[in-house]
C-alpha atoms as a PDB file:
ATOM      1  CA  UNK A   1       9.943   1.417   0.666  1.00  0.00           C
ATOM      2  CA  UNK A   2       6.525   2.097   2.267  1.00  0.00           C
ATOM      3  CA  UNK A   3       3.525   2.449   0.544  1.00  0.00           C
ATOM      4  CA  UNK A   4       0.141   2.071   1.522  1.00  0.00           C
ATOM      5  CA  UNK A   5      -1.753  -0.962   1.806  1.00  0.00           C
ATOM      6  CA  UNK A   6      -4.584  -0.035  -0.572  1.00  0.00           C
ATOM      7  CA  UNK A   7      -2.029  -0.382  -3.117  1.00  0.00           C
ATOM      8  CA  UNK A   8      -1.423  -3.912  -3.057  1.00  0.00           C
ATOM      9  CA  UNK A   9      -2.944  -6.194  -5.121  1.00  0.00           C
ATOM     10  CA  UNK A  10      -2.775  -9.649  -3.102  1.00  0.00           C
ATOM     11  CA  UNK A  11      -3.784 -12.809  -4.548  1.00  0.00           C
ATOM     12  CA  UNK A  12      -3.328 -16.420  -2.870  1.00  0.00           C
ATOM     13  CA  UNK A  13      -0.261 -15.133  -0.933  1.00  0.00           C
ATOM     14  CA  UNK A  14       1.394 -13.129  -3.900  1.00  0.00           C
ATOM     15  CA  UNK A  15       1.318  -9.325  -4.286  1.00  0.00           C
ATOM     16  CA  UNK A  16       1.705  -6.949  -7.051  1.00  0.00           C
ATOM     17  CA  UNK A  17       1.835  -3.475  -7.510  1.00  0.00           C
ATOM     18  CA  UNK A  18       0.557  -0.888 -10.258  1.00  0.00           C
ATOM     19  CA  UNK A  19       3.500   1.128 -11.101  1.00  0.00           C
ATOM     20  CA  UNK A  20       4.009   4.503 -13.688  1.00  0.00           C
ATOM     21  CA  UNK A  21       6.715   4.651 -16.040  1.00  0.00           C
ATOM     22  CA  UNK A  22       8.160   8.120 -17.208  1.00  0.00           C
ATOM     23  CA  UNK A  23       5.968   7.823 -20.199  1.00  0.00           C
ATOM     24  CA  UNK A  24       3.002   7.576 -18.163  1.00  0.00           C
ATOM     25  CA  UNK A  25       2.216   4.312 -18.978  1.00  0.00           C
ATOM     26  CA  UNK A  26       1.039   1.742 -16.499  1.00  0.00           C
ATOM     27  CA  UNK A  27       3.141  -1.502 -15.229  1.00  0.00           C
ATOM     28  CA  UNK A  28       1.733  -4.263 -12.995  1.00  0.00           C
ATOM     29  CA  UNK A  29       4.501  -6.122 -11.172  1.00  0.00           C
ATOM     30  CA  UNK A  30       5.268  -8.880  -8.664  1.00  0.00           C
ATOM     31  CA  UNK A  31       6.478  -7.395  -5.577  1.00  0.00           C
ATOM     32  CA  UNK A  32       7.326  -8.955  -1.710  1.00  0.00           C
ATOM     33  CA  UNK A  33       6.403  -7.296   1.213  1.00  0.00           C
ATOM     34  CA  UNK A  34       7.797  -7.594   4.731  1.00  0.00           C
ATOM     35  CA  UNK A  35       5.922  -6.234   7.870  1.00  0.00           C
ATOM     36  CA  UNK A  36       2.623  -3.771   7.954  1.00  0.00           C
ATOM     37  CA  UNK A  37       2.055  -0.925  10.007  1.00  0.00           C
ATOM     38  CA  UNK A  38      -0.932   1.563  10.584  1.00  0.00           C
ATOM     39  CA  UNK A  39      -2.201   0.556   6.973  1.00  0.00           C
ATOM     40  CA  UNK A  40       1.085   0.607   4.975  1.00  0.00           C
ATOM     41  CA  UNK A  41       3.461  -2.148   4.114  1.00  0.00           C
ATOM     42  CA  UNK A  42       7.226  -2.352   3.400  1.00  0.00           C
ATOM     43  CA  UNK A  43       7.796  -3.053  -0.078  1.00  0.00           C
ATOM     44  CA  UNK A  44      11.312  -5.220   0.001  1.00  0.00           C
ATOM     45  CA  UNK A  45      11.318  -6.215  -3.584  1.00  0.00           C
ATOM     46  CA  UNK A  46      10.335  -5.413  -7.139  1.00  0.00           C
ATOM     47  CA  UNK A  47       9.754  -1.651  -5.973  1.00  0.00           C
ATOM     48  CA  UNK A  48      12.490   1.405  -6.969  1.00  0.00           C
ATOM     49  CA  UNK A  49      12.795   4.362  -4.964  1.00  0.00           C
ATOM     50  CA  UNK A  50      11.338   7.154  -6.549  1.00  0.00           C
ATOM     51  CA  UNK A  51       8.796   5.146  -8.718  1.00  0.00           C
ATOM     52  CA  UNK A  52       5.000   6.576  -9.073  1.00  0.00           C
ATOM     53  CA  UNK A  53       2.936   3.817  -7.365  1.00  0.00           C
ATOM     54  CA  UNK A  54      -1.147   3.158  -7.936  1.00  0.00           C
ATOM     55  CA  UNK A  55      -2.907   3.680  -4.962  1.00  0.00           C
ATOM     56  CA  UNK A  56      -6.439   3.866  -6.336  1.00  0.00           C
ATOM     57  CA  UNK A  57      -8.081   2.149  -9.266  1.00  0.00           C
ATOM     58  CA  UNK A  58      -5.425  -0.223  -9.553  1.00  0.00           C
ATOM     59  CA  UNK A  59      -8.692  -2.989 -10.958  1.00  0.00           C
ATOM     60  CA  UNK A  60      -9.325  -0.697 -13.720  1.00  0.00           C
ATOM     61  CA  UNK A  61      -5.587  -0.532 -15.050  1.00  0.00           C
ATOM     62  CA  UNK A  62      -3.937  -2.536 -17.559  1.00  0.00           C
ATOM     63  CA  UNK A  63      -0.015  -2.651 -18.571  1.00  0.00           C
ATOM     64  CA  UNK A  64       0.511   0.012 -21.128  1.00  0.00           C
ATOM     65  CA  UNK A  65      -2.610   1.873 -20.405  1.00  0.00           C
ATOM     66  CA  UNK A  66      -1.717   5.514 -20.187  1.00  0.00           C
ATOM     67  CA  UNK A  67      -2.826   6.972 -16.690  1.00  0.00           C
ATOM     68  CA  UNK A  68      -2.764  10.172 -15.399  1.00  0.00           C
ATOM     69  CA  UNK A  69      -1.453  10.715 -11.716  1.00  0.00           C
ATOM     70  CA  UNK A  70      -2.592  12.570  -9.007  1.00  0.00           C
ATOM     71  CA  UNK A  71      -1.218  12.901  -5.294  1.00  0.00           C
ATOM     72  CA  UNK A  72      -2.498  10.225  -2.781  1.00  0.00           C
ATOM     73  CA  UNK A  73      -4.104  11.464   0.168  1.00  0.00           C
ATOM     74  CA  UNK A  74      -5.126   9.271   3.257  1.00  0.00           C
ATOM     75  CA  UNK A  75      -8.777   9.132   3.885  1.00  0.00           C
ATOM     76  CA  UNK A  76     -10.510  10.683   6.681  1.00  0.00           C
ATOM     77  CA  UNK A  77     -11.308   6.911   7.858  1.00  0.00           C
ATOM     78  CA  UNK A  78      -7.413   5.747   7.649  1.00  0.00           C
ATOM     79  CA  UNK A  79      -6.419   8.879   9.616  1.00  0.00           C
ATOM     80  CA  UNK A  80      -8.727   8.270  12.438  1.00  0.00           C
ATOM     81  CA  UNK A  81      -7.800   4.557  12.373  1.00  0.00           C
ATOM     82  CA  UNK A  82      -4.002   5.365  12.741  1.00  0.00           C
ATOM     83  CA  UNK A  83      -4.258   8.066  15.119  1.00  0.00           C
ATOM     84  CA  UNK A  84      -6.556   5.579  17.695  1.00  0.00           C
ATOM     85  CA  UNK A  85      -3.743   2.593  16.923  1.00  0.00           C
ATOM     86  CA  UNK A  86      -1.429   5.241  18.014  1.00  0.00           C
ATOM     87  CA  UNK A  87      -2.993   5.985  21.279  1.00  0.00           C
ATOM     88  CA  UNK A  88      -3.652   2.441  22.295  1.00  0.00           C
ATOM     89  CA  UNK A  89      -2.019   1.141  25.874  1.00  0.00           C
ATOM     90  CA  UNK A  90       0.318  -1.786  24.303  1.00  0.00           C
ATOM     91  CA  UNK A  91      -0.317  -3.537  27.693  1.00  0.00           C
ATOM     92  CA  UNK A  92      -3.965  -3.464  27.148  1.00  0.00           C
ATOM     93  CA  UNK A  93      -3.507  -4.972  23.511  1.00  0.00           C
ATOM     94  CA  UNK A  94      -1.192  -7.452  25.243  1.00  0.00           C
ATOM     95  CA  UNK A  95      -4.047  -8.090  28.011  1.00  0.00           C
ATOM     96  CA  UNK A  96      -7.138  -8.688  25.376  1.00  0.00           C
ATOM     97  CA  UNK A  97      -5.177 -11.028  23.138  1.00  0.00           C
ATOM     98  CA  UNK A  98      -4.160 -13.542  25.849  1.00  0.00           C
ATOM     99  CA  UNK A  99      -7.682 -13.765  27.709  1.00  0.00           C
END
């Protein structure tokens, strides 16, 4: 499952994510992540297909709290950064990190 990095809450190497259940209540749960790419992370454990993830405002959410979800949209900054990352020359990146 791929989620925006903004949805992750990290503390001492452990990650949590906010999820909205079928009744519109928030749940905070531990997850494990895999690789990251383009401001997104692969969730390898702790999230099921089709679950609604809280991307913004997680710091204000408490377990059991009623949440009114709105669709997530990338910010203009994230979009421009991902476009720039996709247009880089891999050879240039390798040379820059070697030297």
